[in-house]
């Protein structure tokens, strides 16, 4: 029986390999022209040797076997990882893919995930091509705001330090979240973000810095994902947000 099972397994693998080898190319989107640029900017900072992920995606040969899984993660916005809820705040270091980039990845995968251009309808035969040069991640530089200072604010309703706010760094346990809202003296409210616990803590740089006047307050609401987000005034875990201001001295 073990021999029969082994033979069946080999036959299944050969069938799958044959089907993959004769998969038709139905897209003009290629790794070399469009997809590698997206991966270099959005993915390989983690998906490389020495990165946070154990799955390298620095070449077409590395990425091609994971094409369907990549499509699923991208379409459901599970990747790239970003521990801030979309629609709350706007950050210059957000690695999330744009709708256009998501559409390109989906078209590439659905069309056979070709490395370089081949006429539509051609079999996706795996012929050896020129040696690939592994992608190197684009450098992710912090915004240049000059000297900065940090102020730690516990969760809850607190007076907001005055100054030019350029970033936030929440410090909380995993499976914990905070929603940060600034209430200005003129009655205007600014959503600064809805952040989820991550290790290590991440700095979120505001795309447009916020000038916080004297008399403003912060509403930092603690939430628990168990099994749905529940806002609570009771904070059992360490819960604080580091506010990053431009300049080394407080505003008058």
C-alpha atoms as a PDB file:
ATOM      1  CA  UNK A   1       0.000   0.000   0.000  1.00  0.00           C
ATOM      2  CA  UNK A   2       2.860   2.413   0.760  1.00  0.00           C
ATOM      3  CA  UNK A   3       4.330   1.791  -2.699  1.00  0.00           C
ATOM      4  CA  UNK A   4       0.943   2.451  -4.333  1.00  0.00           C
ATOM      5  CA  UNK A   5       0.493   5.656  -2.330  1.00  0.00           C
ATOM      6  CA  UNK A   6       3.971   6.819  -3.269  1.00  0.00           C
ATOM      7  CA  UNK A   7       3.318   6.140  -6.953  1.00  0.00           C
ATOM      8  CA  UNK A   8       0.027   8.023  -6.776  1.00  0.00           C
ATOM      9  CA  UNK A   9       1.802  10.969  -5.160  1.00  0.00           C
ATOM     10  CA  UNK A  10       4.444  11.036  -7.873  1.00  0.00           C
ATOM     11  CA  UNK A  11       1.757  10.857 -10.566  1.00  0.00           C
ATOM     12  CA  UNK A  12      -0.099  13.780  -8.959  1.00  0.00           C
ATOM     13  CA  UNK A  13       3.049  15.895  -8.843  1.00  0.00           C
ATOM     14  CA  UNK A  14       3.808  15.136 -12.482  1.00  0.00           C
ATOM     15  CA  UNK A  15       0.256  16.055 -13.449  1.00  0.00           C
ATOM     16  CA  UNK A  16       0.459  19.343 -11.562  1.00  0.00           C
ATOM     17  CA  UNK A  17       3.855  20.149 -13.077  1.00  0.00           C
ATOM     18  CA  UNK A  18       2.590  19.396 -16.548  1.00  0.00           C
ATOM     19  CA  UNK A  19      -0.471  21.593 -16.071  1.00  0.00           C
ATOM     20  CA  UNK A  20       1.700  24.429 -14.786  1.00  0.00           C
ATOM     21  CA  UNK A  21       4.143  24.110 -17.654  1.00  0.00           C
ATOM     22  CA  UNK A  22       1.337  24.437 -20.208  1.00  0.00           C
ATOM     23  CA  UNK A  23      -0.440  27.291 -18.448  1.00  0.00           C
ATOM     24  CA  UNK A  24      -1.288  29.984 -20.980  1.00  0.00           C
ATOM     25  CA  UNK A  25      -0.091  33.560 -20.736  1.00  0.00           C
ATOM     26  CA  UNK A  26      -3.072  35.902 -20.986  1.00  0.00           C
ATOM     27  CA  UNK A  27      -1.583  39.164 -19.697  1.00  0.00           C
ATOM     28  CA  UNK A  28       0.884  41.793 -20.825  1.00  0.00           C
ATOM     29  CA  UNK A  29       1.806  42.549 -17.190  1.00  0.00           C
ATOM     30  CA  UNK A  30       5.241  41.115 -16.419  1.00  0.00           C
ATOM     31  CA  UNK A  31       7.593  40.695 -13.501  1.00  0.00           C
ATOM     32  CA  UNK A  32      10.454  42.495 -15.218  1.00  0.00           C
ATOM     33  CA  UNK A  33       8.456  45.568 -16.216  1.00  0.00           C
ATOM     34  CA  UNK A  34       5.780  46.213 -13.560  1.00  0.00           C
ATOM     35  CA  UNK A  35       5.708  43.705 -10.706  1.00  0.00           C
ATOM     36  CA  UNK A  36       9.357  43.788  -9.653  1.00  0.00           C
ATOM     37  CA  UNK A  37       9.119  47.555  -9.113  1.00  0.00           C
ATOM     38  CA  UNK A  38       6.124  47.052  -6.805  1.00  0.00           C
ATOM     39  CA  UNK A  39       7.901  44.299  -4.874  1.00  0.00           C
ATOM     40  CA  UNK A  40      11.077  46.383  -4.528  1.00  0.00           C
ATOM     41  CA  UNK A  41       9.115  49.310  -3.080  1.00  0.00           C
ATOM     42  CA  UNK A  42       6.563  47.405  -0.997  1.00  0.00           C
ATOM     43  CA  UNK A  43       7.662  43.846  -0.225  1.00  0.00           C
ATOM     44  CA  UNK A  44      11.348  42.974  -0.197  1.00  0.00           C
ATOM     45  CA  UNK A  45      12.185  45.082   2.839  1.00  0.00           C
ATOM     46  CA  UNK A  46      10.750  42.099   4.769  1.00  0.00           C
ATOM     47  CA  UNK A  47      10.763  39.319   2.134  1.00  0.00           C
ATOM     48  CA  UNK A  48      14.524  38.867   1.715  1.00  0.00           C
ATOM     49  CA  UNK A  49      17.428  37.150   3.415  1.00  0.00           C
ATOM     50  CA  UNK A  50      17.732  38.732   6.826  1.00  0.00           C
ATOM     51  CA  UNK A  51      14.262  40.284   6.596  1.00  0.00           C
ATOM     52  CA  UNK A  52      11.318  39.783   8.916  1.00  0.00           C
ATOM     53  CA  UNK A  53       9.747  37.115   6.673  1.00  0.00           C
ATOM     54  CA  UNK A  54      11.063  33.604   6.053  1.00  0.00           C
ATOM     55  CA  UNK A  55       9.793  33.724   2.438  1.00  0.00           C
ATOM     56  CA  UNK A  56      12.142  35.639   0.105  1.00  0.00           C
ATOM     57  CA  UNK A  57      10.526  37.345  -2.891  1.00  0.00           C
ATOM     58  CA  UNK A  58      13.537  39.078  -4.405  1.00  0.00           C
ATOM     59  CA  UNK A  59      13.429  37.336  -7.806  1.00  0.00           C
ATOM     60  CA  UNK A  60      10.798  36.034 -10.204  1.00  0.00           C
ATOM     61  CA  UNK A  61      11.960  32.477  -9.472  1.00  0.00           C
ATOM     62  CA  UNK A  62      11.291  33.024  -5.756  1.00  0.00           C
ATOM     63  CA  UNK A  63       7.968  34.796  -6.232  1.00  0.00           C
ATOM     64  CA  UNK A  64       6.433  32.647  -8.989  1.00  0.00           C
ATOM     65  CA  UNK A  65       5.612  29.583  -6.791  1.00  0.00           C
ATOM     66  CA  UNK A  66       3.807  31.878  -4.343  1.00  0.00           C
ATOM     67  CA  UNK A  67       1.855  33.798  -6.992  1.00  0.00           C
ATOM     68  CA  UNK A  68      -1.632  32.630  -5.949  1.00  0.00           C
ATOM     69  CA  UNK A  69      -0.919  33.189  -2.258  1.00  0.00           C
ATOM     70  CA  UNK A  70       0.489  36.647  -3.025  1.00  0.00           C
ATOM     71  CA  UNK A  71      -2.674  37.524  -4.935  1.00  0.00           C
ATOM     72  CA  UNK A  72      -4.849  36.447  -2.001  1.00  0.00           C
ATOM     73  CA  UNK A  73      -2.820  38.425   0.545  1.00  0.00           C
ATOM     74  CA  UNK A  74      -2.752  41.526  -1.641  1.00  0.00           C
ATOM     75  CA  UNK A  75      -6.449  41.431  -2.570  1.00  0.00           C
ATOM     76  CA  UNK A  76      -7.484  41.079   1.087  1.00  0.00           C
ATOM     77  CA  UNK A  77      -4.941  43.755   2.112  1.00  0.00           C
ATOM     78  CA  UNK A  78      -3.195  41.399   4.523  1.00  0.00           C
ATOM     79  CA  UNK A  79       0.106  42.352   2.909  1.00  0.00           C
ATOM     80  CA  UNK A  80       2.095  44.517   3.180  1.00  0.00           C
ATOM     81  CA  UNK A  81       1.618  44.523   6.948  1.00  0.00           C
ATOM     82  CA  UNK A  82       0.506  47.916   8.244  1.00  0.00           C
ATOM     83  CA  UNK A  83      -0.792  48.156  11.801  1.00  0.00           C
ATOM     84  CA  UNK A  84      -3.024  51.174  11.283  1.00  0.00           C
ATOM     85  CA  UNK A  85      -6.643  50.995  10.152  1.00  0.00           C
ATOM     86  CA  UNK A  86      -7.194  52.553   6.752  1.00  0.00           C
ATOM     87  CA  UNK A  87      -9.306  55.671   6.711  1.00  0.00           C
ATOM     88  CA  UNK A  88      -7.938  56.934  10.027  1.00  0.00           C
ATOM     89  CA  UNK A  89      -5.010  59.291   9.510  1.00  0.00           C
ATOM     90  CA  UNK A  90      -2.697  59.707   6.530  1.00  0.00           C
ATOM     91  CA  UNK A  91       0.949  58.669   6.858  1.00  0.00           C
ATOM     92  CA  UNK A  92       3.957  59.195   4.626  1.00  0.00           C
ATOM     93  CA  UNK A  93       5.499  55.803   5.514  1.00  0.00           C
ATOM     94  CA  UNK A  94       2.370  53.751   4.740  1.00  0.00           C
ATOM     95  CA  UNK A  95       3.564  50.815   2.541  1.00  0.00           C
ATOM     96  CA  UNK A  96       0.055  49.822   1.445  1.00  0.00           C
ATOM     97  CA  UNK A  97      -0.486  49.127  -2.238  1.00  0.00           C
ATOM     98  CA  UNK A  98      -2.619  51.523  -4.250  1.00  0.00           C
ATOM     99  CA  UNK A  99      -5.736  50.146  -5.995  1.00  0.00           C
ATOM    100  CA  UNK A 100      -3.820  50.341  -9.290  1.00  0.00           C
ATOM    101  CA  UNK A 101      -0.908  48.317  -7.882  1.00  0.00           C
ATOM    102  CA  UNK A 102      -3.324  45.712  -6.514  1.00  0.00           C
ATOM    103  CA  UNK A 103      -4.959  45.443  -9.937  1.00  0.00           C
ATOM    104  CA  UNK A 104      -1.547  44.950 -11.580  1.00  0.00           C
ATOM    105  CA  UNK A 105      -0.606  42.127  -9.201  1.00  0.00           C
ATOM    106  CA  UNK A 106      -3.980  40.419  -9.745  1.00  0.00           C
ATOM    107  CA  UNK A 107      -3.677  40.719 -13.538  1.00  0.00           C
ATOM    108  CA  UNK A 108      -0.137  39.335 -13.429  1.00  0.00           C
ATOM    109  CA  UNK A 109      -1.127  36.292 -11.382  1.00  0.00           C
ATOM    110  CA  UNK A 110      -4.356  35.591 -13.275  1.00  0.00           C
ATOM    111  CA  UNK A 111      -2.510  35.888 -16.573  1.00  0.00           C
ATOM    112  CA  UNK A 112       0.114  33.262 -15.784  1.00  0.00           C
ATOM    113  CA  UNK A 113       2.658  35.352 -13.795  1.00  0.00           C
ATOM    114  CA  UNK A 114       5.174  35.766 -16.664  1.00  0.00           C
ATOM    115  CA  UNK A 115       8.685  37.003 -16.060  1.00  0.00           C
ATOM    116  CA  UNK A 116       9.005  38.939 -19.301  1.00  0.00           C
ATOM    117  CA  UNK A 117       6.734  39.740 -22.198  1.00  0.00           C
ATOM    118  CA  UNK A 118       5.475  36.910 -24.388  1.00  0.00           C
ATOM    119  CA  UNK A 119       2.566  37.061 -26.854  1.00  0.00           C
ATOM    120  CA  UNK A 120      -0.801  36.438 -25.234  1.00  0.00           C
ATOM    121  CA  UNK A 121      -1.890  32.825 -25.513  1.00  0.00           C
ATOM    122  CA  UNK A 122       1.644  31.452 -25.538  1.00  0.00           C
ATOM    123  CA  UNK A 123       2.391  28.513 -23.214  1.00  0.00           C
ATOM    124  CA  UNK A 124       4.167  29.578 -20.047  1.00  0.00           C
ATOM    125  CA  UNK A 125       7.127  27.286 -20.737  1.00  0.00           C
ATOM    126  CA  UNK A 126       9.783  27.590 -18.056  1.00  0.00           C
ATOM    127  CA  UNK A 127      12.826  28.233 -20.249  1.00  0.00           C
ATOM    128  CA  UNK A 128      15.960  29.483 -18.493  1.00  0.00           C
ATOM    129  CA  UNK A 129      16.375  33.213 -18.980  1.00  0.00           C
ATOM    130  CA  UNK A 130      19.174  35.631 -18.156  1.00  0.00           C
ATOM    131  CA  UNK A 131      20.421  35.367 -14.559  1.00  0.00           C
ATOM    132  CA  UNK A 132      18.260  37.358 -12.191  1.00  0.00           C
ATOM    133  CA  UNK A 133      19.648  40.052  -9.944  1.00  0.00           C
ATOM    134  CA  UNK A 134      17.865  39.913  -6.553  1.00  0.00           C
ATOM    135  CA  UNK A 135      15.843  42.998  -5.755  1.00  0.00           C
ATOM    136  CA  UNK A 136      17.237  45.404  -3.188  1.00  0.00           C
ATOM    137  CA  UNK A 137      14.596  47.236  -1.130  1.00  0.00           C
ATOM    138  CA  UNK A 138      14.114  50.913  -1.713  1.00  0.00           C
ATOM    139  CA  UNK A 139      15.538  52.907   1.159  1.00  0.00           C
ATOM    140  CA  UNK A 140      12.820  54.075   3.546  1.00  0.00           C
ATOM    141  CA  UNK A 141      13.999  57.375   4.922  1.00  0.00           C
ATOM    142  CA  UNK A 142      12.249  59.101   7.771  1.00  0.00           C
ATOM    143  CA  UNK A 143      10.810  62.496   6.836  1.00  0.00           C
ATOM    144  CA  UNK A 144      13.227  65.348   7.386  1.00  0.00           C
ATOM    145  CA  UNK A 145      11.689  67.490  10.096  1.00  0.00           C
ATOM    146  CA  UNK A 146      14.925  68.615  11.679  1.00  0.00           C
ATOM    147  CA  UNK A 147      15.319  68.165  15.440  1.00  0.00           C
ATOM    148  CA  UNK A 148      12.334  66.563  17.160  1.00  0.00           C
ATOM    149  CA  UNK A 149      11.160  65.951  20.696  1.00  0.00           C
ATOM    150  CA  UNK A 150       8.877  63.255  22.099  1.00  0.00           C
ATOM    151  CA  UNK A 151       6.144  63.454  24.689  1.00  0.00           C
ATOM    152  CA  UNK A 152       4.567  60.333  26.205  1.00  0.00           C
ATOM    153  CA  UNK A 153       0.796  60.569  26.709  1.00  0.00           C
ATOM    154  CA  UNK A 154      -1.161  57.811  28.538  1.00  0.00           C
ATOM    155  CA  UNK A 155      -4.434  56.590  27.097  1.00  0.00           C
ATOM    156  CA  UNK A 156      -7.569  58.501  28.015  1.00  0.00           C
ATOM    157  CA  UNK A 157      -8.648  62.121  27.601  1.00  0.00           C
ATOM    158  CA  UNK A 158      -5.630  64.361  28.049  1.00  0.00           C
ATOM    159  CA  UNK A 159      -4.512  67.928  27.319  1.00  0.00           C
ATOM    160  CA  UNK A 160      -2.532  67.970  24.069  1.00  0.00           C
ATOM    161  CA  UNK A 161       0.926  69.560  24.190  1.00  0.00           C
ATOM    162  CA  UNK A 162       1.079  72.527  21.833  1.00  0.00           C
ATOM    163  CA  UNK A 163       3.437  72.415  18.871  1.00  0.00           C
ATOM    164  CA  UNK A 164       3.839  71.034  15.362  1.00  0.00           C
ATOM    165  CA  UNK A 165       2.949  67.343  15.567  1.00  0.00           C
ATOM    166  CA  UNK A 166       4.798  65.282  12.938  1.00  0.00           C
ATOM    167  CA  UNK A 167       4.350  61.685  14.093  1.00  0.00           C
ATOM    168  CA  UNK A 168       3.025  59.195  16.634  1.00  0.00           C
ATOM    169  CA  UNK A 169       4.400  55.963  18.080  1.00  0.00           C
ATOM    170  CA  UNK A 170       1.846  53.891  20.035  1.00  0.00           C
ATOM    171  CA  UNK A 171       3.201  51.552  22.689  1.00  0.00           C
ATOM    172  CA  UNK A 172       0.716  48.808  23.549  1.00  0.00           C
ATOM    173  CA  UNK A 173       0.381  45.063  23.777  1.00  0.00           C
ATOM    174  CA  UNK A 174      -0.502  42.889  20.802  1.00  0.00           C
ATOM    175  CA  UNK A 175      -4.241  42.451  20.134  1.00  0.00           C
ATOM    176  CA  UNK A 176      -4.748  45.883  21.667  1.00  0.00           C
ATOM    177  CA  UNK A 177      -5.615  49.036  19.747  1.00  0.00           C
ATOM    178  CA  UNK A 178      -5.916  52.756  20.304  1.00  0.00           C
ATOM    179  CA  UNK A 179      -7.898  55.351  18.402  1.00  0.00           C
ATOM    180  CA  UNK A 180      -6.358  58.824  18.639  1.00  0.00           C
ATOM    181  CA  UNK A 181      -8.427  61.952  18.067  1.00  0.00           C
ATOM    182  CA  UNK A 182      -7.319  65.582  18.469  1.00  0.00           C
ATOM    183  CA  UNK A 183      -9.976  68.093  19.526  1.00  0.00           C
ATOM    184  CA  UNK A 184      -8.990  71.667  18.733  1.00  0.00           C
ATOM    185  CA  UNK A 185     -10.250  74.761  20.596  1.00  0.00           C
ATOM    186  CA  UNK A 186     -12.249  75.937  17.543  1.00  0.00           C
ATOM    187  CA  UNK A 187     -14.346  72.758  17.684  1.00  0.00           C
ATOM    188  CA  UNK A 188     -12.591  70.964  14.808  1.00  0.00           C
ATOM    189  CA  UNK A 189     -11.630  67.329  15.311  1.00  0.00           C
ATOM    190  CA  UNK A 190      -8.695  65.630  13.607  1.00  0.00           C
ATOM    191  CA  UNK A 191      -8.459  61.834  13.403  1.00  0.00           C
ATOM    192  CA  UNK A 192      -4.797  61.002  13.967  1.00  0.00           C
ATOM    193  CA  UNK A 193      -5.100  57.241  13.517  1.00  0.00           C
ATOM    194  CA  UNK A 194      -6.414  53.926  14.755  1.00  0.00           C
ATOM    195  CA  UNK A 195      -3.373  51.857  15.687  1.00  0.00           C
ATOM    196  CA  UNK A 196      -2.890  48.196  16.545  1.00  0.00           C
ATOM    197  CA  UNK A 197      -0.234  46.741  18.814  1.00  0.00           C
ATOM    198  CA  UNK A 198       2.982  45.638  17.110  1.00  0.00           C
ATOM    199  CA  UNK A 199       6.439  44.510  18.149  1.00  0.00           C
ATOM    200  CA  UNK A 200       8.602  46.492  17.815  1.00  0.00           C
ATOM    201  CA  UNK A 201       6.644  49.716  18.102  1.00  0.00           C
ATOM    202  CA  UNK A 202       6.243  51.598  14.810  1.00  0.00           C
ATOM    203  CA  UNK A 203       6.478  55.341  14.224  1.00  0.00           C
ATOM    204  CA  UNK A 204       3.680  56.732  12.044  1.00  0.00           C
ATOM    205  CA  UNK A 205       4.725  59.927  10.254  1.00  0.00           C
ATOM    206  CA  UNK A 206       1.929  62.329   9.412  1.00  0.00           C
ATOM    207  CA  UNK A 207       1.864  63.158   5.720  1.00  0.00           C
ATOM    208  CA  UNK A 208       0.678  66.637   6.709  1.00  0.00           C
ATOM    209  CA  UNK A 209       1.973  67.772  10.129  1.00  0.00           C
ATOM    210  CA  UNK A 210      -0.662  69.142  12.492  1.00  0.00           C
ATOM    211  CA  UNK A 211      -0.209  72.434  14.321  1.00  0.00           C
ATOM    212  CA  UNK A 212      -1.648  71.780  17.788  1.00  0.00           C
ATOM    213  CA  UNK A 213      -2.664  75.037  19.527  1.00  0.00           C
ATOM    214  CA  UNK A 214      -2.798  75.607  23.264  1.00  0.00           C
ATOM    215  CA  UNK A 215      -6.075  74.353  24.724  1.00  0.00           C
ATOM    216  CA  UNK A 216      -6.372  71.318  22.437  1.00  0.00           C
ATOM    217  CA  UNK A 217      -7.136  67.899  23.913  1.00  0.00           C
ATOM    218  CA  UNK A 218      -6.433  64.310  22.912  1.00  0.00           C
ATOM    219  CA  UNK A 219      -8.930  61.468  23.049  1.00  0.00           C
ATOM    220  CA  UNK A 220      -6.953  58.206  23.093  1.00  0.00           C
ATOM    221  CA  UNK A 221      -9.514  55.396  23.222  1.00  0.00           C
ATOM    222  CA  UNK A 222      -8.332  51.917  24.198  1.00  0.00           C
ATOM    223  CA  UNK A 223      -9.930  48.992  22.348  1.00  0.00           C
ATOM    224  CA  UNK A 224      -9.711  45.218  22.704  1.00  0.00           C
ATOM    225  CA  UNK A 225     -10.100  42.752  19.814  1.00  0.00           C
ATOM    226  CA  UNK A 226     -11.979  39.993  21.623  1.00  0.00           C
ATOM    227  CA  UNK A 227     -13.720  38.969  19.366  1.00  0.00           C
ATOM    228  CA  UNK A 228     -14.799  42.424  18.161  1.00  0.00           C
ATOM    229  CA  UNK A 229     -13.415  45.838  18.926  1.00  0.00           C
ATOM    230  CA  UNK A 230     -14.724  47.022  22.285  1.00  0.00           C
ATOM    231  CA  UNK A 231     -13.907  50.541  23.388  1.00  0.00           C
ATOM    232  CA  UNK A 232     -13.114  50.711  27.059  1.00  0.00           C
ATOM    233  CA  UNK A 233     -12.119  53.372  29.578  1.00  0.00           C
ATOM    234  CA  UNK A 234     -10.410  50.685  31.669  1.00  0.00           C
ATOM    235  CA  UNK A 235      -6.841  50.143  30.485  1.00  0.00           C
ATOM    236  CA  UNK A 236      -5.416  46.886  31.917  1.00  0.00           C
ATOM    237  CA  UNK A 237      -2.269  46.861  29.768  1.00  0.00           C
ATOM    238  CA  UNK A 238       0.438  49.467  29.342  1.00  0.00           C
ATOM    239  CA  UNK A 239      -1.144  51.908  26.947  1.00  0.00           C
ATOM    240  CA  UNK A 240       0.556  55.081  25.832  1.00  0.00           C
ATOM    241  CA  UNK A 241       1.344  57.056  22.712  1.00  0.00           C
ATOM    242  CA  UNK A 242       4.578  58.887  22.023  1.00  0.00           C
ATOM    243  CA  UNK A 243       3.841  62.155  20.273  1.00  0.00           C
ATOM    244  CA  UNK A 244       6.669  63.378  18.037  1.00  0.00           C
ATOM    245  CA  UNK A 245       6.900  67.161  17.664  1.00  0.00           C
ATOM    246  CA  UNK A 246       9.124  69.239  15.447  1.00  0.00           C
ATOM    247  CA  UNK A 247      11.695  71.259  17.360  1.00  0.00           C
ATOM    248  CA  UNK A 248      13.466  70.692  20.629  1.00  0.00           C
ATOM    249  CA  UNK A 249      11.486  73.103  22.811  1.00  0.00           C
ATOM    250  CA  UNK A 250       7.789  73.240  23.617  1.00  0.00           C
ATOM    251  CA  UNK A 251       5.597  75.826  21.957  1.00  0.00           C
ATOM    252  CA  UNK A 252       4.638  78.731  24.223  1.00  0.00           C
END
